[in-house]
């Protein structure tokens, strides 16, 4: 008899893919040397992601699983007692409905529903106002629970170059292609920069015209390989930020959403990155120019990297896996 664990997550334009790779890394880790069957329930599944799940032998179903009745009918056919949730706007009523029959574990997402799951594991910077009151059984909130994708773990401790030649830009899902706008500003500041712009799966890159030395990338399976070759990166404070910190790439931060302002400020205050404010700041080009001049200082970049790598050790997936398996072995879930 094997345990079946069900993941519920969504793919949407306004969200990056940090949650997707977080769930993928955790699914793979849970299956290692354990008789566990993993099934994903999704709202949609583009072919590029279907290929990845097929390759990893992860079962999946696509449907309107925000509808609790559709979800309940689907779960009745499965041999599971455990639901892992990674949903934006997780509602209290949705969680309470699931808790009648299943143990619920949230590993990401937002809104009040997170505070009502049985177990909540949040790999994030602790912030006032996020789960001030928790009504479940166990709450874990710390950057040590951040789950990095496995390919990132291959590239820690990159060698810093003396100058800045290659720049990596990734702003989460970036369905509005704001990264392209920033790349063009950088190109105006210094046409010799070689710039990689990573866009999300829901971005129509055919709409955006760029030429050498700007290169647009989409749906890249191994971003770490490109990150390690870049001298600095521009990111928005989400999962990509932690991947860059782990590898050792100095970061410039530009927030895209209200939720990103707080972590961006924390990185700035702790000397880990330089925060320029929001993407629509009318003085963004001036700020970029001044920051690039500041980051020309090799020793400053070196200190930023050292502080960033003290923050994240890449073992988050093992810690989250341990929490889940401990509960399974105790028979609690």
C-alpha atoms as a PDB file:
ATOM      1  CA  UNK A   1       0.000   0.000   0.000  1.00  0.00           C
ATOM      2  CA  UNK A   2       1.402   3.403  -0.941  1.00  0.00           C
ATOM      3  CA  UNK A   3       0.516   6.850   0.237  1.00  0.00           C
ATOM      4  CA  UNK A   4      -0.937   9.228  -2.316  1.00  0.00           C
ATOM      5  CA  UNK A   5      -0.302  12.941  -1.975  1.00  0.00           C
ATOM      6  CA  UNK A   6      -2.298  15.435  -4.024  1.00  0.00           C
ATOM      7  CA  UNK A   7      -0.930  18.858  -4.983  1.00  0.00           C
ATOM      8  CA  UNK A   8      -3.363  21.619  -5.990  1.00  0.00           C
ATOM      9  CA  UNK A   9      -1.842  24.530  -7.885  1.00  0.00           C
ATOM     10  CA  UNK A  10      -2.611  26.900 -10.735  1.00  0.00           C
ATOM     11  CA  UNK A  11      -0.874  28.461 -13.698  1.00  0.00           C
ATOM     12  CA  UNK A  12      -1.875  32.066 -14.263  1.00  0.00           C
ATOM     13  CA  UNK A  13      -0.532  35.082 -16.116  1.00  0.00           C
ATOM     14  CA  UNK A  14      -0.050  37.246 -13.066  1.00  0.00           C
ATOM     15  CA  UNK A  15       1.984  34.694 -11.134  1.00  0.00           C
ATOM     16  CA  UNK A  16       5.529  33.599 -11.858  1.00  0.00           C
ATOM     17  CA  UNK A  17       6.587  29.977 -12.015  1.00  0.00           C
ATOM     18  CA  UNK A  18       8.277  29.806  -8.612  1.00  0.00           C
ATOM     19  CA  UNK A  19       5.341  27.813  -7.235  1.00  0.00           C
ATOM     20  CA  UNK A  20       5.440  25.387 -10.192  1.00  0.00           C
ATOM     21  CA  UNK A  21       9.109  24.521  -9.670  1.00  0.00           C
ATOM     22  CA  UNK A  22       8.655  24.496  -5.886  1.00  0.00           C
ATOM     23  CA  UNK A  23       5.955  21.829  -6.225  1.00  0.00           C
ATOM     24  CA  UNK A  24       8.001  19.922  -8.807  1.00  0.00           C
ATOM     25  CA  UNK A  25      11.111  19.826  -6.596  1.00  0.00           C
ATOM     26  CA  UNK A  26       9.079  18.726  -3.561  1.00  0.00           C
ATOM     27  CA  UNK A  27       7.223  16.057  -5.573  1.00  0.00           C
ATOM     28  CA  UNK A  28      10.483  14.573  -6.837  1.00  0.00           C
ATOM     29  CA  UNK A  29      12.026  14.623  -3.382  1.00  0.00           C
ATOM     30  CA  UNK A  30       9.005  12.956  -1.744  1.00  0.00           C
ATOM     31  CA  UNK A  31       9.104  10.131  -4.298  1.00  0.00           C
ATOM     32  CA  UNK A  32      12.775   9.355  -3.704  1.00  0.00           C
ATOM     33  CA  UNK A  33      13.034   6.018  -1.857  1.00  0.00           C
ATOM     34  CA  UNK A  34       9.445   6.329  -0.666  1.00  0.00           C
ATOM     35  CA  UNK A  35       6.350   4.405  -1.846  1.00  0.00           C
ATOM     36  CA  UNK A  36       4.455   7.618  -2.519  1.00  0.00           C
ATOM     37  CA  UNK A  37       2.232   8.375  -5.486  1.00  0.00           C
ATOM     38  CA  UNK A  38       2.033  12.062  -6.482  1.00  0.00           C
ATOM     39  CA  UNK A  39      -0.924  13.579  -8.346  1.00  0.00           C
ATOM     40  CA  UNK A  40      -1.252  17.216  -9.390  1.00  0.00           C
ATOM     41  CA  UNK A  41      -4.602  18.947  -9.868  1.00  0.00           C
ATOM     42  CA  UNK A  42      -4.302  22.002 -12.121  1.00  0.00           C
ATOM     43  CA  UNK A  43      -6.545  24.581 -13.735  1.00  0.00           C
ATOM     44  CA  UNK A  44      -4.642  24.396 -17.037  1.00  0.00           C
ATOM     45  CA  UNK A  45      -1.568  22.648 -18.446  1.00  0.00           C
ATOM     46  CA  UNK A  46       0.370  24.064 -21.423  1.00  0.00           C
ATOM     47  CA  UNK A  47       2.195  21.421 -23.490  1.00  0.00           C
ATOM     48  CA  UNK A  48       5.634  22.611 -22.363  1.00  0.00           C
ATOM     49  CA  UNK A  49       4.728  21.794 -18.736  1.00  0.00           C
ATOM     50  CA  UNK A  50       2.880  18.596 -19.613  1.00  0.00           C
ATOM     51  CA  UNK A  51       6.140  17.287 -21.065  1.00  0.00           C
ATOM     52  CA  UNK A  52       7.948  17.955 -17.769  1.00  0.00           C
ATOM     53  CA  UNK A  53       5.319  16.130 -15.679  1.00  0.00           C
ATOM     54  CA  UNK A  54       5.336  13.177 -18.063  1.00  0.00           C
ATOM     55  CA  UNK A  55       9.127  13.028 -17.859  1.00  0.00           C
ATOM     56  CA  UNK A  56       9.038  13.032 -14.040  1.00  0.00           C
ATOM     57  CA  UNK A  57       6.200  10.464 -13.983  1.00  0.00           C
ATOM     58  CA  UNK A  58       3.920  12.732 -12.018  1.00  0.00           C
ATOM     59  CA  UNK A  59       0.203  12.079 -12.456  1.00  0.00           C
ATOM     60  CA  UNK A  60      -2.048  15.038 -13.200  1.00  0.00           C
ATOM     61  CA  UNK A  61      -5.600  16.077 -13.860  1.00  0.00           C
ATOM     62  CA  UNK A  62      -6.866  19.349 -15.310  1.00  0.00           C
ATOM     63  CA  UNK A  63     -10.146  20.888 -14.232  1.00  0.00           C
ATOM     64  CA  UNK A  64     -11.980  23.618 -12.342  1.00  0.00           C
ATOM     65  CA  UNK A  65     -10.698  22.575  -8.944  1.00  0.00           C
ATOM     66  CA  UNK A  66     -11.559  25.883  -7.294  1.00  0.00           C
ATOM     67  CA  UNK A  67     -15.089  24.458  -7.383  1.00  0.00           C
ATOM     68  CA  UNK A  68     -15.184  22.406  -4.176  1.00  0.00           C
ATOM     69  CA  UNK A  69     -17.787  20.005  -5.568  1.00  0.00           C
ATOM     70  CA  UNK A  70     -15.728  19.203  -8.667  1.00  0.00           C
ATOM     71  CA  UNK A  71     -12.696  18.862  -6.423  1.00  0.00           C
ATOM     72  CA  UNK A  72     -14.499  16.612  -3.930  1.00  0.00           C
ATOM     73  CA  UNK A  73     -15.732  14.266  -6.676  1.00  0.00           C
ATOM     74  CA  UNK A  74     -12.200  14.035  -8.060  1.00  0.00           C
ATOM     75  CA  UNK A  75     -10.636  13.326  -4.668  1.00  0.00           C
ATOM     76  CA  UNK A  76     -13.170  10.563  -3.883  1.00  0.00           C
ATOM     77  CA  UNK A  77     -11.571   8.478  -6.624  1.00  0.00           C
ATOM     78  CA  UNK A  78      -8.109   8.819  -5.106  1.00  0.00           C
ATOM     79  CA  UNK A  79      -6.361   7.068  -2.245  1.00  0.00           C
ATOM     80  CA  UNK A  80      -5.232  10.213  -0.440  1.00  0.00           C
ATOM     81  CA  UNK A  81      -5.464  11.781   2.977  1.00  0.00           C
ATOM     82  CA  UNK A  82      -3.073  14.651   2.216  1.00  0.00           C
ATOM     83  CA  UNK A  83      -3.636  17.798   0.143  1.00  0.00           C
ATOM     84  CA  UNK A  84      -0.722  20.152  -0.517  1.00  0.00           C
ATOM     85  CA  UNK A  85      -1.898  23.627  -1.530  1.00  0.00           C
ATOM     86  CA  UNK A  86       0.085  26.252  -3.424  1.00  0.00           C
ATOM     87  CA  UNK A  87      -2.610  28.690  -4.513  1.00  0.00           C
ATOM     88  CA  UNK A  88      -2.867  32.436  -4.782  1.00  0.00           C
ATOM     89  CA  UNK A  89      -5.904  33.877  -2.993  1.00  0.00           C
ATOM     90  CA  UNK A  90      -6.494  30.773  -0.888  1.00  0.00           C
ATOM     91  CA  UNK A  91      -9.915  31.207   0.717  1.00  0.00           C
ATOM     92  CA  UNK A  92     -10.804  30.203   4.266  1.00  0.00           C
ATOM     93  CA  UNK A  93     -14.018  28.420   3.207  1.00  0.00           C
ATOM     94  CA  UNK A  94     -12.151  26.397   0.575  1.00  0.00           C
ATOM     95  CA  UNK A  95      -9.626  25.179   3.170  1.00  0.00           C
ATOM     96  CA  UNK A  96     -12.245  24.415   5.804  1.00  0.00           C
ATOM     97  CA  UNK A  97     -14.203  22.339   3.290  1.00  0.00           C
ATOM     98  CA  UNK A  98     -11.106  20.250   2.530  1.00  0.00           C
ATOM     99  CA  UNK A  99     -10.219  19.854   6.210  1.00  0.00           C
ATOM    100  CA  UNK A 100     -13.415  17.898   6.842  1.00  0.00           C
ATOM    101  CA  UNK A 101     -11.863  14.863   5.136  1.00  0.00           C
ATOM    102  CA  UNK A 102      -8.186  15.608   4.505  1.00  0.00           C
ATOM    103  CA  UNK A 103      -5.066  16.988   6.124  1.00  0.00           C
ATOM    104  CA  UNK A 104      -4.139  20.234   4.377  1.00  0.00           C
ATOM    105  CA  UNK A 105      -0.608  21.582   3.994  1.00  0.00           C
ATOM    106  CA  UNK A 106       0.086  24.974   2.428  1.00  0.00           C
ATOM    107  CA  UNK A 107       3.569  25.586   0.988  1.00  0.00           C
ATOM    108  CA  UNK A 108       2.880  28.945  -0.608  1.00  0.00           C
ATOM    109  CA  UNK A 109       0.098  31.207  -1.721  1.00  0.00           C
ATOM    110  CA  UNK A 110      -1.642  34.042   0.024  1.00  0.00           C
ATOM    111  CA  UNK A 111      -4.858  35.273   1.637  1.00  0.00           C
ATOM    112  CA  UNK A 112      -6.531  34.156   4.844  1.00  0.00           C
ATOM    113  CA  UNK A 113      -6.945  30.503   3.853  1.00  0.00           C
ATOM    114  CA  UNK A 114      -3.253  29.840   4.501  1.00  0.00           C
ATOM    115  CA  UNK A 115      -3.834  30.519   8.209  1.00  0.00           C
ATOM    116  CA  UNK A 116      -6.471  27.764   8.385  1.00  0.00           C
ATOM    117  CA  UNK A 117      -4.508  24.866   6.862  1.00  0.00           C
ATOM    118  CA  UNK A 118      -3.417  22.088   9.241  1.00  0.00           C
ATOM    119  CA  UNK A 119       0.232  22.718   8.472  1.00  0.00           C
ATOM    120  CA  UNK A 120       1.655  25.840   6.816  1.00  0.00           C
ATOM    121  CA  UNK A 121       5.251  25.925   5.577  1.00  0.00           C
ATOM    122  CA  UNK A 122       6.268  29.299   4.183  1.00  0.00           C
ATOM    123  CA  UNK A 123       9.702  29.681   2.648  1.00  0.00           C
ATOM    124  CA  UNK A 124       9.804  33.439   2.844  1.00  0.00           C
ATOM    125  CA  UNK A 125      11.166  36.399   4.751  1.00  0.00           C
ATOM    126  CA  UNK A 126       9.148  36.812   7.944  1.00  0.00           C
ATOM    127  CA  UNK A 127       6.918  39.827   7.709  1.00  0.00           C
ATOM    128  CA  UNK A 128       4.459  41.551  10.005  1.00  0.00           C
ATOM    129  CA  UNK A 129       0.911  41.070   8.826  1.00  0.00           C
ATOM    130  CA  UNK A 130       1.469  37.662   7.221  1.00  0.00           C
ATOM    131  CA  UNK A 131      -0.335  35.043   9.303  1.00  0.00           C
ATOM    132  CA  UNK A 132      -0.442  37.124  12.469  1.00  0.00           C
ATOM    133  CA  UNK A 133      -2.866  34.529  13.772  1.00  0.00           C
ATOM    134  CA  UNK A 134      -2.633  30.860  12.792  1.00  0.00           C
ATOM    135  CA  UNK A 135      -5.533  28.481  13.421  1.00  0.00           C
ATOM    136  CA  UNK A 136      -3.962  25.204  12.279  1.00  0.00           C
ATOM    137  CA  UNK A 137      -1.639  22.746  14.027  1.00  0.00           C
ATOM    138  CA  UNK A 138       1.881  23.663  12.849  1.00  0.00           C
ATOM    139  CA  UNK A 139       3.332  26.843  11.359  1.00  0.00           C
ATOM    140  CA  UNK A 140       6.814  27.117   9.841  1.00  0.00           C
ATOM    141  CA  UNK A 141       7.886  30.473   8.378  1.00  0.00           C
ATOM    142  CA  UNK A 142      11.514  31.114   7.479  1.00  0.00           C
ATOM    143  CA  UNK A 143      13.801  31.395   4.450  1.00  0.00           C
ATOM    144  CA  UNK A 144      15.319  28.045   5.446  1.00  0.00           C
ATOM    145  CA  UNK A 145      12.171  26.423   4.009  1.00  0.00           C
ATOM    146  CA  UNK A 146      12.636  27.938   0.546  1.00  0.00           C
ATOM    147  CA  UNK A 147      12.510  25.173  -2.047  1.00  0.00           C
ATOM    148  CA  UNK A 148      14.918  25.647  -4.956  1.00  0.00           C
ATOM    149  CA  UNK A 149      14.625  23.739  -8.195  1.00  0.00           C
ATOM    150  CA  UNK A 150      17.232  20.929  -8.430  1.00  0.00           C
ATOM    151  CA  UNK A 151      19.113  22.356 -11.423  1.00  0.00           C
ATOM    152  CA  UNK A 152      19.929  25.530  -9.442  1.00  0.00           C
ATOM    153  CA  UNK A 153      21.746  23.472  -6.796  1.00  0.00           C
ATOM    154  CA  UNK A 154      24.441  22.546  -9.337  1.00  0.00           C
ATOM    155  CA  UNK A 155      25.745  26.092  -9.670  1.00  0.00           C
ATOM    156  CA  UNK A 156      26.603  27.468  -6.235  1.00  0.00           C
ATOM    157  CA  UNK A 157      29.691  29.669  -5.711  1.00  0.00           C
ATOM    158  CA  UNK A 158      30.105  31.176  -9.149  1.00  0.00           C
ATOM    159  CA  UNK A 159      33.266  33.160  -9.769  1.00  0.00           C
ATOM    160  CA  UNK A 160      32.713  36.920  -9.861  1.00  0.00           C
ATOM    161  CA  UNK A 161      34.243  38.817 -12.755  1.00  0.00           C
ATOM    162  CA  UNK A 162      35.925  42.176 -12.223  1.00  0.00           C
ATOM    163  CA  UNK A 163      33.630  44.055 -14.588  1.00  0.00           C
ATOM    164  CA  UNK A 164      29.963  43.919 -15.655  1.00  0.00           C
ATOM    165  CA  UNK A 165      29.339  42.570 -19.139  1.00  0.00           C
ATOM    166  CA  UNK A 166      26.386  40.166 -18.912  1.00  0.00           C
ATOM    167  CA  UNK A 167      23.084  40.956 -17.201  1.00  0.00           C
ATOM    168  CA  UNK A 168      20.231  38.572 -16.366  1.00  0.00           C
ATOM    169  CA  UNK A 169      16.678  39.954 -16.096  1.00  0.00           C
ATOM    170  CA  UNK A 170      13.803  37.905 -14.689  1.00  0.00           C
ATOM    171  CA  UNK A 171      10.675  39.451 -13.162  1.00  0.00           C
ATOM    172  CA  UNK A 172       8.569  36.400 -12.347  1.00  0.00           C
ATOM    173  CA  UNK A 173       5.832  35.507 -14.860  1.00  0.00           C
ATOM    174  CA  UNK A 174       6.287  38.951 -16.467  1.00  0.00           C
ATOM    175  CA  UNK A 175       3.280  38.585 -18.773  1.00  0.00           C
ATOM    176  CA  UNK A 176       3.598  42.307 -19.596  1.00  0.00           C
ATOM    177  CA  UNK A 177       7.247  41.851 -20.678  1.00  0.00           C
ATOM    178  CA  UNK A 178       8.498  44.582 -18.344  1.00  0.00           C
ATOM    179  CA  UNK A 179      11.898  42.908 -18.529  1.00  0.00           C
ATOM    180  CA  UNK A 180      12.135  43.913 -22.180  1.00  0.00           C
ATOM    181  CA  UNK A 181      11.498  47.545 -21.265  1.00  0.00           C
ATOM    182  CA  UNK A 182      14.273  47.417 -18.650  1.00  0.00           C
ATOM    183  CA  UNK A 183      16.647  45.714 -21.089  1.00  0.00           C
ATOM    184  CA  UNK A 184      16.158  48.563 -23.555  1.00  0.00           C
ATOM    185  CA  UNK A 185      16.935  51.097 -20.823  1.00  0.00           C
ATOM    186  CA  UNK A 186      20.141  49.210 -20.034  1.00  0.00           C
ATOM    187  CA  UNK A 187      21.051  49.100 -23.688  1.00  0.00           C
ATOM    188  CA  UNK A 188      20.650  52.865 -23.851  1.00  0.00           C
ATOM    189  CA  UNK A 189      22.921  53.273 -20.832  1.00  0.00           C
ATOM    190  CA  UNK A 190      25.571  50.925 -22.233  1.00  0.00           C
ATOM    191  CA  UNK A 191      25.116  49.306 -25.659  1.00  0.00           C
ATOM    192  CA  UNK A 192      27.929  46.848 -24.853  1.00  0.00           C
ATOM    193  CA  UNK A 193      25.971  44.997 -22.179  1.00  0.00           C
ATOM    194  CA  UNK A 194      24.858  41.505 -23.222  1.00  0.00           C
ATOM    195  CA  UNK A 195      21.373  41.105 -21.713  1.00  0.00           C
ATOM    196  CA  UNK A 196      19.254  37.985 -21.173  1.00  0.00           C
ATOM    197  CA  UNK A 197      15.545  38.643 -20.577  1.00  0.00           C
ATOM    198  CA  UNK A 198      13.579  35.672 -19.218  1.00  0.00           C
ATOM    199  CA  UNK A 199       9.829  35.802 -19.830  1.00  0.00           C
ATOM    200  CA  UNK A 200       7.045  33.580 -18.527  1.00  0.00           C
ATOM    201  CA  UNK A 201       5.141  30.927 -20.408  1.00  0.00           C
ATOM    202  CA  UNK A 202       2.106  33.188 -20.873  1.00  0.00           C
ATOM    203  CA  UNK A 203       4.032  35.998 -22.574  1.00  0.00           C
ATOM    204  CA  UNK A 204       3.709  36.345 -26.319  1.00  0.00           C
ATOM    205  CA  UNK A 205       7.328  37.093 -27.205  1.00  0.00           C
ATOM    206  CA  UNK A 206       6.494  37.611 -30.892  1.00  0.00           C
ATOM    207  CA  UNK A 207       5.037  40.992 -29.894  1.00  0.00           C
ATOM    208  CA  UNK A 208       8.420  42.279 -28.718  1.00  0.00           C
ATOM    209  CA  UNK A 209      11.161  43.231 -31.110  1.00  0.00           C
ATOM    210  CA  UNK A 210      14.737  43.209 -29.828  1.00  0.00           C
ATOM    211  CA  UNK A 211      18.117  42.763 -31.422  1.00  0.00           C
ATOM    212  CA  UNK A 212      21.630  41.834 -30.344  1.00  0.00           C
ATOM    213  CA  UNK A 213      22.888  42.248 -27.626  1.00  0.00           C
ATOM    214  CA  UNK A 214      19.439  41.675 -26.040  1.00  0.00           C
ATOM    215  CA  UNK A 215      18.218  38.092 -26.057  1.00  0.00           C
ATOM    216  CA  UNK A 216      14.717  37.020 -24.992  1.00  0.00           C
ATOM    217  CA  UNK A 217      14.327  33.562 -23.450  1.00  0.00           C
ATOM    218  CA  UNK A 218      11.106  31.724 -22.680  1.00  0.00           C
ATOM    219  CA  UNK A 219      10.348  28.458 -20.871  1.00  0.00           C
ATOM    220  CA  UNK A 220      13.992  27.742 -20.108  1.00  0.00           C
ATOM    221  CA  UNK A 221      14.406  24.456 -18.224  1.00  0.00           C
ATOM    222  CA  UNK A 222      17.856  25.203 -16.809  1.00  0.00           C
ATOM    223  CA  UNK A 223      18.136  28.906 -15.915  1.00  0.00           C
ATOM    224  CA  UNK A 224      21.018  28.262 -13.518  1.00  0.00           C
ATOM    225  CA  UNK A 225      23.314  27.600 -16.462  1.00  0.00           C
ATOM    226  CA  UNK A 226      22.682  31.149 -17.726  1.00  0.00           C
ATOM    227  CA  UNK A 227      22.569  32.801 -14.293  1.00  0.00           C
ATOM    228  CA  UNK A 228      26.055  31.569 -13.414  1.00  0.00           C
ATOM    229  CA  UNK A 229      27.477  33.229 -16.537  1.00  0.00           C
ATOM    230  CA  UNK A 230      26.008  36.639 -15.713  1.00  0.00           C
ATOM    231  CA  UNK A 231      27.732  39.367 -13.727  1.00  0.00           C
ATOM    232  CA  UNK A 232      24.607  40.895 -12.181  1.00  0.00           C
ATOM    233  CA  UNK A 233      20.863  40.307 -12.305  1.00  0.00           C
ATOM    234  CA  UNK A 234      17.705  42.382 -12.123  1.00  0.00           C
ATOM    235  CA  UNK A 235      14.818  40.647 -10.397  1.00  0.00           C
ATOM    236  CA  UNK A 236      11.634  41.340  -8.439  1.00  0.00           C
ATOM    237  CA  UNK A 237      12.088  39.774  -5.014  1.00  0.00           C
ATOM    238  CA  UNK A 238      10.379  36.433  -5.699  1.00  0.00           C
ATOM    239  CA  UNK A 239      11.749  32.884  -6.045  1.00  0.00           C
ATOM    240  CA  UNK A 240      14.203  33.873  -8.789  1.00  0.00           C
ATOM    241  CA  UNK A 241      15.882  36.212  -6.291  1.00  0.00           C
ATOM    242  CA  UNK A 242      16.687  33.315  -3.974  1.00  0.00           C
ATOM    243  CA  UNK A 243      17.998  31.237  -6.873  1.00  0.00           C
ATOM    244  CA  UNK A 244      20.351  34.062  -7.822  1.00  0.00           C
ATOM    245  CA  UNK A 245      21.490  34.509  -4.221  1.00  0.00           C
ATOM    246  CA  UNK A 246      22.240  30.795  -3.907  1.00  0.00           C
ATOM    247  CA  UNK A 247      24.336  30.790  -7.087  1.00  0.00           C
ATOM    248  CA  UNK A 248      26.102  34.000  -6.100  1.00  0.00           C
ATOM    249  CA  UNK A 249      24.869  36.612  -8.583  1.00  0.00           C
ATOM    250  CA  UNK A 250      24.702  40.237  -7.293  1.00  0.00           C
ATOM    251  CA  UNK A 251      21.150  41.560  -7.581  1.00  0.00           C
ATOM    252  CA  UNK A 252      19.301  44.766  -8.395  1.00  0.00           C
ATOM    253  CA  UNK A 253      15.655  44.711  -7.272  1.00  0.00           C
ATOM    254  CA  UNK A 254      12.632  46.270  -8.963  1.00  0.00           C
ATOM    255  CA  UNK A 255       9.206  45.431  -7.520  1.00  0.00           C
ATOM    256  CA  UNK A 256       6.334  44.578  -9.843  1.00  0.00           C
ATOM    257  CA  UNK A 257       3.591  43.964  -7.249  1.00  0.00           C
ATOM    258  CA  UNK A 258       2.751  45.401  -3.826  1.00  0.00           C
ATOM    259  CA  UNK A 259       3.635  42.065  -2.219  1.00  0.00           C
ATOM    260  CA  UNK A 260       7.232  42.324  -3.455  1.00  0.00           C
ATOM    261  CA  UNK A 261       8.016  45.687  -1.856  1.00  0.00           C
ATOM    262  CA  UNK A 262       8.681  44.297   1.608  1.00  0.00           C
ATOM    263  CA  UNK A 263      11.224  41.567   0.664  1.00  0.00           C
ATOM    264  CA  UNK A 264      12.949  43.987  -1.723  1.00  0.00           C
ATOM    265  CA  UNK A 265      13.380  46.488   1.120  1.00  0.00           C
ATOM    266  CA  UNK A 266      14.676  43.761   3.441  1.00  0.00           C
ATOM    267  CA  UNK A 267      17.312  42.747   0.883  1.00  0.00           C
ATOM    268  CA  UNK A 268      18.312  46.391   0.542  1.00  0.00           C
ATOM    269  CA  UNK A 269      18.451  47.003   4.306  1.00  0.00           C
ATOM    270  CA  UNK A 270      20.660  43.945   4.824  1.00  0.00           C
ATOM    271  CA  UNK A 271      23.121  44.825   2.059  1.00  0.00           C
ATOM    272  CA  UNK A 272      22.100  41.842  -0.075  1.00  0.00           C
ATOM    273  CA  UNK A 273      20.752  43.812  -3.052  1.00  0.00           C
ATOM    274  CA  UNK A 274      19.997  47.318  -4.266  1.00  0.00           C
ATOM    275  CA  UNK A 275      16.304  48.216  -4.472  1.00  0.00           C
ATOM    276  CA  UNK A 276      15.344  50.793  -7.096  1.00  0.00           C
ATOM    277  CA  UNK A 277      11.643  50.978  -6.310  1.00  0.00           C
ATOM    278  CA  UNK A 278       8.783  50.094  -8.636  1.00  0.00           C
ATOM    279  CA  UNK A 279       8.882  49.264 -12.327  1.00  0.00           C
ATOM    280  CA  UNK A 280       6.870  52.319 -13.354  1.00  0.00           C
ATOM    281  CA  UNK A 281       9.126  54.832 -11.565  1.00  0.00           C
ATOM    282  CA  UNK A 282       9.662  57.713 -14.010  1.00  0.00           C
ATOM    283  CA  UNK A 283      13.266  58.012 -12.787  1.00  0.00           C
ATOM    284  CA  UNK A 284      14.078  54.343 -13.320  1.00  0.00           C
ATOM    285  CA  UNK A 285      16.672  54.938 -16.041  1.00  0.00           C
ATOM    286  CA  UNK A 286      18.515  57.486 -13.892  1.00  0.00           C
ATOM    287  CA  UNK A 287      18.439  55.090 -10.935  1.00  0.00           C
ATOM    288  CA  UNK A 288      19.718  52.227 -13.087  1.00  0.00           C
ATOM    289  CA  UNK A 289      22.585  54.333 -14.359  1.00  0.00           C
ATOM    290  CA  UNK A 290      23.635  55.331 -10.838  1.00  0.00           C
ATOM    291  CA  UNK A 291      23.307  51.791  -9.499  1.00  0.00           C
ATOM    292  CA  UNK A 292      25.381  50.296 -12.311  1.00  0.00           C
ATOM    293  CA  UNK A 293      28.124  52.763 -11.515  1.00  0.00           C
ATOM    294  CA  UNK A 294      27.884  51.761  -7.843  1.00  0.00           C
ATOM    295  CA  UNK A 295      28.046  48.072  -8.716  1.00  0.00           C
ATOM    296  CA  UNK A 296      31.165  48.568 -10.780  1.00  0.00           C
ATOM    297  CA  UNK A 297      32.877  48.236  -7.405  1.00  0.00           C
ATOM    298  CA  UNK A 298      33.955  44.555  -7.355  1.00  0.00           C
ATOM    299  CA  UNK A 299      34.297  44.466  -3.574  1.00  0.00           C
ATOM    300  CA  UNK A 300      30.771  45.810  -3.080  1.00  0.00           C
ATOM    301  CA  UNK A 301      29.368  43.070  -5.308  1.00  0.00           C
ATOM    302  CA  UNK A 302      31.484  40.499  -3.475  1.00  0.00           C
ATOM    303  CA  UNK A 303      30.070  41.569  -0.087  1.00  0.00           C
ATOM    304  CA  UNK A 304      26.506  41.465  -1.452  1.00  0.00           C
ATOM    305  CA  UNK A 305      27.043  37.899  -2.654  1.00  0.00           C
ATOM    306  CA  UNK A 306      28.539  36.777   0.655  1.00  0.00           C
ATOM    307  CA  UNK A 307      25.584  38.148   2.606  1.00  0.00           C
ATOM    308  CA  UNK A 308      23.087  36.627   0.171  1.00  0.00           C
ATOM    309  CA  UNK A 309      24.622  33.165   0.360  1.00  0.00           C
ATOM    310  CA  UNK A 310      24.453  33.264   4.163  1.00  0.00           C
ATOM    311  CA  UNK A 311      20.683  33.601   3.795  1.00  0.00           C
ATOM    312  CA  UNK A 312      19.949  30.438   1.804  1.00  0.00           C
ATOM    313  CA  UNK A 313      21.623  27.031   1.889  1.00  0.00           C
ATOM    314  CA  UNK A 314      19.553  25.111  -0.695  1.00  0.00           C
ATOM    315  CA  UNK A 315      18.273  22.530   1.816  1.00  0.00           C
ATOM    316  CA  UNK A 316      14.717  23.848   2.048  1.00  0.00           C
ATOM    317  CA  UNK A 317      13.181  20.956   0.108  1.00  0.00           C
ATOM    318  CA  UNK A 318      14.710  18.441   2.539  1.00  0.00           C
ATOM    319  CA  UNK A 319      13.287  20.334   5.530  1.00  0.00           C
ATOM    320  CA  UNK A 320       9.786  20.498   4.030  1.00  0.00           C
ATOM    321  CA  UNK A 321       9.977  16.841   2.997  1.00  0.00           C
ATOM    322  CA  UNK A 322      10.979  15.900   6.546  1.00  0.00           C
ATOM    323  CA  UNK A 323       7.949  17.711   7.987  1.00  0.00           C
ATOM    324  CA  UNK A 324       5.578  15.862   5.643  1.00  0.00           C
ATOM    325  CA  UNK A 325       7.164  12.415   6.067  1.00  0.00           C
ATOM    326  CA  UNK A 326       7.312  12.827   9.842  1.00  0.00           C
ATOM    327  CA  UNK A 327       3.567  13.364   9.916  1.00  0.00           C
ATOM    328  CA  UNK A 328       2.974  10.425   7.557  1.00  0.00           C
ATOM    329  CA  UNK A 329       5.085   8.118   9.699  1.00  0.00           C
ATOM    330  CA  UNK A 330       3.268   9.209  12.844  1.00  0.00           C
ATOM    331  CA  UNK A 331       0.012   8.344  11.154  1.00  0.00           C
ATOM    332  CA  UNK A 332      -1.287  11.870  11.598  1.00  0.00           C
ATOM    333  CA  UNK A 333      -1.829  12.210   7.874  1.00  0.00           C
END
